[in-house]
Amino acid sequence: MPSLLHTLKCAFVGFTILAANAALAHPKLLTSTPAENAEVPAPEKIELHFSEDLMPQFSAASLVMTGMPGMTGHSPMKMTIKVSATKDPKTMVITPTQPLTAGTYRIDWRAVSSDTHRVTGSVPFSVK
């Protein structure tokens, strides 16, 4: 019969492993609207849905127009946007201040959750 001390040691080790795994969980982009590489009508807003609650004060995004129909060698052009949190702490909303014209775009995002590690990524899409 295991001793109480042995049982407590095992419980402590198990709890420590679980707590460490939770602390090391980084936010992952689960879905985006528009989806990666999608061709869509001009969206009024762009939503990024993550696996973890975000810390809005440390999370951010930018929107870059990477190509325009009929123009070769188009230099990337940063668009003016508003980034906001929602009632769902796992969602970031990007709202362009002007309607998006036909072309290719890229959302560059930075997400920070309670583990305070910064994770970055991008979502390319096209506007018809």
Protein backbone atom coordinates (compact mmCIF):
# COMPACT_ATOMS: atom_id res chain seq x y z
CA MET A 1 0.00 0.00 0.00
CA PRO A 2 1.55 3.29 -1.04
CA SER A 3 2.39 5.69 1.69
CA LEU A 4 0.66 9.03 2.01
CA LEU A 5 3.96 10.80 1.35
CA HIS A 6 4.43 8.89 -1.94
CA THR A 7 0.87 9.75 -3.01
CA LEU A 8 1.41 13.42 -2.22
CA LYS A 9 4.69 13.45 -4.16
CA CYS A 10 3.00 11.94 -7.22
CA ALA A 11 0.14 14.42 -6.99
CA PHE A 12 2.60 17.32 -6.71
CA VAL A 13 4.60 16.16 -9.75
CA GLY A 14 1.41 15.72 -11.79
CA PHE A 15 0.14 19.17 -10.83
CA THR A 16 3.51 20.75 -11.63
CA ILE A 17 3.54 19.18 -15.11
CA LEU A 18 -0.02 20.33 -15.83
CA ALA A 19 0.68 23.85 -14.58
CA ALA A 20 3.86 24.08 -16.66
CA ASN A 21 2.04 22.95 -19.81
CA ALA A 22 -0.69 25.54 -19.26
CA ALA A 23 1.90 28.26 -18.70
CA LEU A 24 3.73 27.33 -21.90
CA ALA A 25 0.62 27.40 -24.09
CA HIS A 26 1.03 30.04 -26.78
CA PRO A 27 -1.90 31.51 -28.68
CA LYS A 28 -2.42 29.89 -32.07
CA LEU A 29 -4.46 31.38 -34.88
CA LEU A 30 -7.39 28.98 -35.34
CA THR A 31 -9.42 30.77 -38.01
CA SER A 32 -9.64 34.07 -39.80
CA THR A 33 -12.35 35.87 -41.73
CA PRO A 34 -11.46 36.20 -44.55
CA ALA A 35 -9.68 32.86 -44.57
CA GLU A 36 -6.05 32.53 -45.60
CA ASN A 37 -5.64 32.99 -49.39
CA ALA A 38 -9.39 33.62 -49.86
CA GLU A 39 -10.71 35.89 -52.61
CA VAL A 40 -13.57 37.94 -51.18
CA PRO A 41 -15.60 41.10 -51.72
CA ALA A 42 -14.17 44.03 -49.74
CA PRO A 43 -14.62 43.08 -46.06
CA GLU A 44 -15.83 45.72 -43.62
CA LYS A 45 -13.89 43.96 -40.87
CA ILE A 46 -11.37 41.17 -40.50
CA GLU A 47 -11.58 38.75 -37.57
CA LEU A 48 -8.79 36.62 -36.14
CA HIS A 49 -9.78 33.83 -33.73
CA PHE A 50 -7.09 32.42 -31.42
CA SER A 51 -6.75 29.39 -29.14
CA GLU A 52 -6.04 31.46 -26.02
CA ASP A 53 -7.42 34.61 -24.40
CA LEU A 54 -5.42 37.56 -25.72
CA MET A 55 -3.93 40.44 -23.77
CA PRO A 56 -5.24 43.31 -25.95
CA GLN A 57 -2.75 45.84 -24.59
CA PHE A 58 0.11 43.74 -26.04
CA SER A 59 -1.57 42.27 -29.14
CA ALA A 60 -1.70 44.14 -32.45
CA ALA A 61 -2.17 43.87 -36.20
CA SER A 62 -1.40 45.75 -39.39
CA LEU A 63 -2.93 45.55 -42.87
CA VAL A 64 -0.72 45.85 -45.94
CA MET A 65 -1.84 46.06 -49.57
CA THR A 66 0.70 43.87 -51.38
CA GLY A 67 -0.58 44.12 -54.95
CA MET A 68 -2.97 46.07 -57.16
CA PRO A 69 -4.51 44.84 -60.44
CA GLY A 70 -2.71 46.23 -63.49
CA MET A 71 0.30 47.45 -61.51
CA THR A 72 3.49 45.44 -61.60
CA GLY A 73 6.10 46.00 -58.94
CA HIS A 74 3.55 47.50 -56.54
CA SER A 75 5.34 48.42 -53.31
CA PRO A 76 3.57 47.20 -50.16
CA MET A 77 1.31 49.94 -48.84
CA LYS A 78 0.28 50.04 -45.19
CA MET A 79 -3.45 50.65 -44.75
CA THR A 80 -5.00 52.62 -41.89
CA ILE A 81 -6.95 50.34 -39.57
CA LYS A 82 -8.49 50.14 -36.12
CA VAL A 83 -7.71 47.06 -34.03
CA SER A 84 -10.15 46.18 -31.27
CA ALA A 85 -10.97 43.44 -28.82
CA THR A 86 -14.42 41.87 -28.61
CA LYS A 87 -16.52 40.29 -25.89
CA ASP A 88 -14.74 37.07 -26.84
CA PRO A 89 -11.21 37.52 -25.42
CA LYS A 90 -9.86 35.09 -28.05
CA THR A 91 -10.88 37.31 -30.98
CA MET A 92 -9.14 40.31 -32.54
CA VAL A 93 -11.05 42.55 -34.97
CA ILE A 94 -9.32 44.66 -37.61
CA THR A 95 -11.45 47.38 -39.21
CA PRO A 96 -10.09 49.30 -42.22
CA THR A 97 -10.83 53.02 -41.97
CA GLN A 98 -11.45 53.18 -45.75
CA PRO A 99 -13.13 50.58 -48.01
CA LEU A 100 -10.59 48.14 -49.46
CA THR A 101 -10.16 48.24 -53.24
CA ALA A 102 -9.43 45.27 -55.50
CA GLY A 103 -5.99 43.82 -54.83
CA THR A 104 -3.99 41.51 -52.60
CA TYR A 105 -3.59 42.15 -48.90
CA ARG A 106 -1.81 40.71 -45.89
CA ILE A 107 -2.74 40.96 -42.23
CA ASP A 108 0.37 40.82 -40.02
CA TRP A 109 -0.61 40.02 -36.44
CA ARG A 110 1.03 39.79 -33.04
CA ALA A 111 -0.79 37.91 -30.29
CA VAL A 112 0.13 37.80 -26.61
CA SER A 113 -1.71 35.66 -24.07
CA SER A 114 -1.28 35.22 -20.33
CA ASP A 115 2.08 33.46 -20.79
CA THR A 116 3.34 36.85 -22.13
CA HIS A 117 5.16 35.26 -25.07
CA ARG A 118 4.62 37.07 -28.36
CA VAL A 119 3.52 34.97 -31.32
CA THR A 120 3.37 36.46 -34.82
CA GLY A 121 1.90 35.45 -38.14
CA SER A 122 0.22 36.68 -41.28
CA VAL A 123 -2.93 36.02 -43.30
CA PRO A 124 -2.86 36.84 -47.03
CA PHE A 125 -6.14 37.37 -48.92
CA SER A 126 -7.46 39.07 -52.06
CA VAL A 127 -10.29 41.53 -52.62
CA LYS A 128 -12.27 41.13 -55.88
